[in-house]
Amino acid sequence: MPFRGFDVMEADILHYLIICPLVFFGGFVDAIAGGGGLISLPAYFLAGIPAHLALGTNKLSSLMGTAMATGRLWRAGCIEGKRALPAVVAALIGSSLGARMALLIPAQWFQLFLAVLLPVVAFFVVFRRTAIRAEEAPMPEKRRLVILTASALICGTYDGFYGPGCGTFMLLAFTLWAKLDVRRANGEVKAVNLASNTAAFVTFLLSGNVMWTLGLTAGIFGIVGNYLGAGLVLNKGASIVRPIIVTVLVLLLVKTGWDFLV
């Protein structure tokens, strides 16, 4: 059943003041060192948006930035259509299933679950980065396609259910297991990520869990943050990003614990 107790018209100025700056910074961080989703999704929870609405609205704002990035990589020739197509289809299926699973979990318990899961994902995404392949290595193309498709299905399911860190996980899978070079892998990842974001967004939209005005506004802030971050060269970008992500996660854990107990 669609969620009707928190319509977009009920979003007040405080929601925008909390969410939009954090989504802007999430885009900024993502361009510098990755992991921006570890800031943008918690922003909705910190503002008090119910879990399913937070996921759906965040998918809208994420979809805007992903679509622009994918278009840019497509024009640059970083996406090979025939190779990406099976992975895109797998991501569409997996993400739709993941979003449906998320909707089955009661909002209060789901938010508590995400608050516990976020630090785990942050640890692997931000603190345990693995070296990625600079050049493509030889591999039978059929085997490569199977690995790309399976990885897209798994990561797509995760993206539909939750999301943050999905791009990093796919990049590692595409470079380490499918042995793509980082330039080509980035293009394929964006194409797959666009598919998984789209499928999840449509699933949440059909269930009534998208706040259009808030999501579109936050999406614009995220795009601007990503654009500005991409124009900067920070030698110690990761060292700057880590304490900020930790601070946001601590605030989320405190708020979730308080809401759950009260």
Protein backbone atom coordinates (compact mmCIF):
# COMPACT_ATOMS: atom_id res chain seq x y z
CA MET A 1 0.00 0.00 0.00
CA PRO A 2 1.31 3.50 -0.80
CA PHE A 3 2.54 5.52 2.18
CA ARG A 4 0.14 8.44 2.52
CA GLY A 5 1.06 9.87 5.92
CA PHE A 6 4.00 11.98 4.80
CA ASP A 7 3.07 13.69 1.54
CA VAL A 8 5.59 15.89 -0.23
CA MET A 9 3.60 18.98 0.71
CA GLU A 10 4.40 18.28 4.36
CA ALA A 11 8.13 18.75 3.84
CA ASP A 12 8.98 21.98 5.64
CA ILE A 13 11.92 24.34 5.46
CA LEU A 14 13.82 22.40 8.15
CA HIS A 15 13.88 19.29 5.97
CA TYR A 16 15.42 21.29 3.13
CA LEU A 17 17.93 22.99 5.44
CA ILE A 18 19.16 19.61 6.70
CA ILE A 19 18.97 17.50 3.56
CA CYS A 20 20.06 19.81 0.73
CA PRO A 21 23.42 20.90 2.21
CA LEU A 22 24.28 17.31 3.15
CA VAL A 23 23.32 16.01 -0.31
CA PHE A 24 25.44 18.80 -1.80
CA PHE A 25 28.35 17.70 0.33
CA GLY A 26 27.63 14.07 -0.53
CA GLY A 27 28.06 14.91 -4.21
CA PHE A 28 31.19 16.93 -3.43
CA VAL A 29 32.70 14.05 -1.45
CA ASP A 30 31.73 11.50 -4.09
CA ALA A 31 33.63 13.42 -6.75
CA ILE A 32 36.76 13.66 -4.59
CA ALA A 33 37.07 10.26 -2.95
CA GLY A 34 33.81 8.33 -3.40
CA GLY A 35 31.36 7.27 -0.71
CA GLY A 36 28.99 10.21 -1.11
CA GLY A 37 25.98 7.95 -0.56
CA LEU A 38 27.20 7.44 3.00
CA ILE A 39 26.28 11.09 3.56
CA SER A 40 23.29 11.70 1.28
CA LEU A 41 21.06 8.83 2.46
CA PRO A 42 21.62 9.48 6.20
CA ALA A 43 20.67 13.12 5.52
CA TYR A 44 17.05 12.06 4.99
CA PHE A 45 17.04 10.02 8.19
CA LEU A 46 18.58 12.87 10.18
CA ALA A 47 15.81 15.15 8.91
CA GLY A 48 13.21 12.69 10.22
CA ILE A 49 11.99 11.35 6.87
CA PRO A 50 10.48 7.83 7.29
CA ALA A 51 12.75 5.04 6.03
CA HIS A 52 10.90 4.01 2.86
CA LEU A 53 10.28 7.61 1.83
CA ALA A 54 13.95 8.36 2.51
CA LEU A 55 15.06 5.52 0.25
CA GLY A 56 12.68 6.45 -2.57
CA THR A 57 13.40 10.17 -2.47
CA ASN A 58 17.14 9.56 -2.26
CA LYS A 59 16.86 7.35 -5.36
CA LEU A 60 15.31 10.29 -7.22
CA SER A 61 18.13 12.67 -6.32
CA SER A 62 20.78 9.99 -7.00
CA LEU A 63 19.21 9.15 -10.36
CA MET A 64 19.65 12.73 -11.54
CA GLY A 65 23.39 12.77 -10.90
CA THR A 66 23.93 9.24 -12.21
CA ALA A 67 22.10 10.03 -15.46
CA MET A 68 24.33 13.04 -16.11
CA ALA A 69 27.52 11.10 -15.33
CA THR A 70 26.47 8.17 -17.52
CA GLY A 71 25.70 10.47 -20.44
CA ARG A 72 29.12 12.08 -20.13
CA LEU A 73 30.90 8.71 -20.08
CA TRP A 74 28.82 7.46 -23.03
CA ARG A 75 29.84 10.48 -25.10
CA ALA A 76 33.47 9.88 -24.12
CA GLY A 77 33.29 6.32 -25.45
CA CYS A 78 33.75 4.66 -22.04
CA ILE A 79 30.67 2.44 -22.31
CA GLU A 80 30.59 -0.57 -24.63
CA GLY A 81 26.92 -1.20 -25.35
CA LYS A 82 27.06 -4.91 -26.21
CA ARG A 83 29.13 -5.69 -23.13
CA ALA A 84 27.05 -3.52 -20.81
CA LEU A 85 23.58 -4.67 -21.96
CA PRO A 86 23.38 -8.04 -20.10
CA ALA A 87 24.67 -6.37 -16.92
CA VAL A 88 22.13 -3.55 -17.29
CA VAL A 89 19.25 -6.05 -17.64
CA ALA A 90 20.52 -7.99 -14.60
CA ALA A 91 20.73 -4.75 -12.57
CA LEU A 92 17.17 -3.81 -13.52
CA ILE A 93 15.89 -7.17 -12.27
CA GLY A 94 18.02 -7.24 -9.13
CA SER A 95 17.29 -3.67 -8.10
CA SER A 96 13.55 -4.10 -8.52
CA LEU A 97 13.69 -7.20 -6.29
CA GLY A 98 15.87 -5.42 -3.74
CA ALA A 99 13.51 -2.46 -3.50
CA ARG A 100 10.53 -4.77 -3.09
CA MET A 101 12.34 -6.56 -0.24
CA ALA A 102 13.03 -3.20 1.42
CA LEU A 103 9.35 -2.29 1.27
CA LEU A 104 8.43 -5.50 3.10
CA ILE A 105 10.35 -4.46 6.23
CA PRO A 106 8.48 -2.15 8.67
CA ALA A 107 9.90 1.39 8.46
CA GLN A 108 11.00 1.64 12.12
CA TRP A 109 12.92 -1.63 12.04
CA PHE A 110 14.33 -0.89 8.61
CA GLN A 111 15.79 2.43 9.77
CA LEU A 112 17.38 0.73 12.77
CA PHE A 113 18.78 -1.95 10.47
CA LEU A 114 20.25 0.65 8.12
CA ALA A 115 21.81 2.57 11.01
CA VAL A 116 23.66 -0.60 11.99
CA LEU A 117 24.57 -1.49 8.39
CA LEU A 118 25.87 1.98 7.45
CA PRO A 119 29.08 1.86 9.54
CA VAL A 120 29.89 -1.60 8.14
CA VAL A 121 29.54 -0.37 4.56
CA ALA A 122 31.49 2.78 5.39
CA PHE A 123 34.37 0.71 6.75
CA PHE A 124 34.73 -1.30 3.54
CA VAL A 125 34.12 1.63 1.18
CA VAL A 126 36.23 4.31 2.87
CA PHE A 127 38.73 2.54 5.08
CA ARG A 128 39.46 -0.68 3.19
CA ARG A 129 39.90 0.42 -0.40
CA THR A 130 41.59 -2.16 -2.66
CA ALA A 131 43.90 -1.27 -5.52
CA ILE A 132 42.05 -1.41 -8.84
CA ARG A 133 43.39 -2.53 -12.17
CA ALA A 134 44.85 0.18 -14.42
CA GLU A 135 44.84 -1.91 -17.62
CA GLU A 136 42.49 -4.55 -19.01
CA ALA A 137 43.77 -8.12 -18.68
CA PRO A 138 43.06 -10.98 -21.15
CA MET A 139 39.98 -13.10 -20.42
CA PRO A 140 37.53 -15.12 -22.55
CA GLU A 141 34.73 -12.70 -23.42
CA LYS A 142 31.94 -15.12 -22.48
CA ARG A 143 33.46 -15.60 -19.03
CA ARG A 144 33.82 -11.83 -18.64
CA LEU A 145 30.17 -11.29 -19.55
CA VAL A 146 29.06 -13.91 -17.01
CA ILE A 147 31.09 -12.19 -14.27
CA LEU A 148 29.80 -8.73 -15.23
CA THR A 149 26.19 -9.95 -15.33
CA ALA A 150 26.39 -11.84 -12.02
CA SER A 151 28.09 -8.89 -10.31
CA ALA A 152 25.44 -6.51 -11.67
CA LEU A 153 22.63 -8.75 -10.42
CA ILE A 154 24.08 -8.95 -6.90
CA CYS A 155 25.07 -5.29 -6.68
CA GLY A 156 21.79 -4.23 -8.29
CA THR A 157 19.83 -6.11 -5.64
CA TYR A 158 21.88 -4.40 -2.95
CA ASP A 159 21.36 -1.01 -4.61
CA GLY A 160 17.59 -1.47 -4.69
CA PHE A 161 17.50 -2.61 -1.08
CA TYR A 162 19.93 -0.03 0.29
CA GLY A 163 22.48 1.62 -2.02
CA PRO A 164 25.49 3.39 -0.47
CA GLY A 165 28.80 1.90 -1.61
CA CYS A 166 27.22 0.08 -4.57
CA GLY A 167 29.35 1.88 -7.16
CA THR A 168 32.55 1.07 -5.29
CA PHE A 169 31.59 -2.59 -4.93
CA MET A 170 30.83 -2.85 -8.65
CA LEU A 171 34.05 -1.09 -9.63
CA LEU A 172 36.05 -3.58 -7.58
CA ALA A 173 34.17 -6.53 -9.09
CA PHE A 174 34.54 -5.25 -12.66
CA THR A 175 38.27 -4.58 -12.32
CA LEU A 176 39.41 -7.43 -10.06
CA TRP A 177 37.14 -10.24 -11.31
CA ALA A 178 36.12 -9.20 -14.84
CA LYS A 179 39.60 -7.69 -15.35
CA LEU A 180 38.43 -4.49 -17.05
CA ASP A 181 40.67 -1.43 -17.04
CA VAL A 182 39.53 1.31 -14.68
CA ARG A 183 38.38 3.68 -17.47
CA ARG A 184 36.18 1.06 -19.12
CA ALA A 185 35.01 -0.29 -15.77
CA ASN A 186 33.90 3.17 -14.65
CA GLY A 187 31.76 3.49 -17.76
CA GLU A 188 30.15 0.08 -17.33
CA VAL A 189 29.57 0.76 -13.61
CA LYS A 190 27.74 4.02 -14.36
CA ALA A 191 25.54 2.33 -16.98
CA VAL A 192 24.64 -0.46 -14.54
CA ASN A 193 24.19 2.00 -11.69
CA LEU A 194 21.82 4.08 -13.82
CA ALA A 195 19.75 0.95 -14.47
CA SER A 196 19.63 -0.07 -10.81
CA ASN A 197 18.77 3.47 -9.68
CA THR A 198 15.98 3.67 -12.26
CA ALA A 199 14.44 0.31 -11.32
CA ALA A 200 14.57 1.09 -7.59
CA PHE A 201 13.16 4.59 -8.12
CA VAL A 202 10.22 3.27 -10.17
CA THR A 203 9.51 0.60 -7.54
CA PHE A 204 9.46 3.15 -4.71
CA LEU A 205 7.47 5.58 -6.86
CA LEU A 206 4.75 3.01 -7.58
CA SER A 207 4.45 2.33 -3.85
CA GLY A 208 3.99 6.05 -3.11
CA ASN A 209 7.38 6.53 -1.44
CA VAL A 210 8.87 9.50 -3.31
CA MET A 211 8.77 13.16 -2.25
CA TRP A 212 9.12 14.81 -5.64
CA THR A 213 9.87 18.42 -4.72
CA LEU A 214 12.36 17.52 -2.01
CA GLY A 215 14.05 14.87 -4.17
CA LEU A 216 14.40 17.12 -7.22
CA THR A 217 15.73 20.00 -5.12
CA ALA A 218 18.23 17.76 -3.33
CA GLY A 219 19.24 16.28 -6.69
CA ILE A 220 20.19 19.73 -7.98
CA PHE A 221 22.29 20.34 -4.87
CA GLY A 222 23.99 16.96 -5.37
CA ILE A 223 24.80 17.73 -9.02
CA VAL A 224 26.32 21.09 -8.08
CA GLY A 225 28.38 19.48 -5.31
CA ASN A 226 29.63 16.78 -7.67
CA TYR A 227 30.53 19.37 -10.30
CA LEU A 228 32.48 21.52 -7.85
CA GLY A 229 34.20 18.51 -6.28
CA ALA A 230 35.29 17.23 -9.71
CA GLY A 231 36.99 20.57 -10.36
CA LEU A 232 39.22 20.30 -7.29
CA VAL A 233 42.47 18.44 -6.80
CA LEU A 234 42.89 17.37 -3.19
CA ASN A 235 45.98 15.32 -2.43
CA LYS A 236 44.50 14.17 0.85
CA GLY A 237 40.86 13.96 -0.19
CA ALA A 238 40.21 10.66 1.59
CA SER A 239 41.67 11.91 4.85
CA ILE A 240 39.29 14.88 4.74
CA VAL A 241 36.29 12.76 3.81
CA ARG A 242 36.69 10.09 6.50
CA PRO A 243 36.06 12.21 9.63
CA ILE A 244 33.06 13.87 7.99
CA ILE A 245 31.46 10.53 7.10
CA VAL A 246 32.16 9.24 10.62
CA THR A 247 30.54 12.36 12.13
CA VAL A 248 27.39 11.96 10.00
CA LEU A 249 27.14 8.25 10.89
CA VAL A 250 27.55 8.94 14.62
CA LEU A 251 24.79 11.55 14.48
CA LEU A 252 22.55 9.09 12.65
CA LEU A 253 23.23 6.32 15.18
CA VAL A 254 22.44 8.65 18.10
CA LYS A 255 19.22 9.90 16.48
CA THR A 256 18.09 6.39 15.51
CA GLY A 257 18.79 5.05 18.99
CA TRP A 258 16.89 7.94 20.56
CA ASP A 259 13.89 7.54 18.25
CA PHE A 260 13.82 3.79 18.81
CA LEU A 261 13.94 4.08 22.61
CA VAL A 262 11.49 6.96 22.85
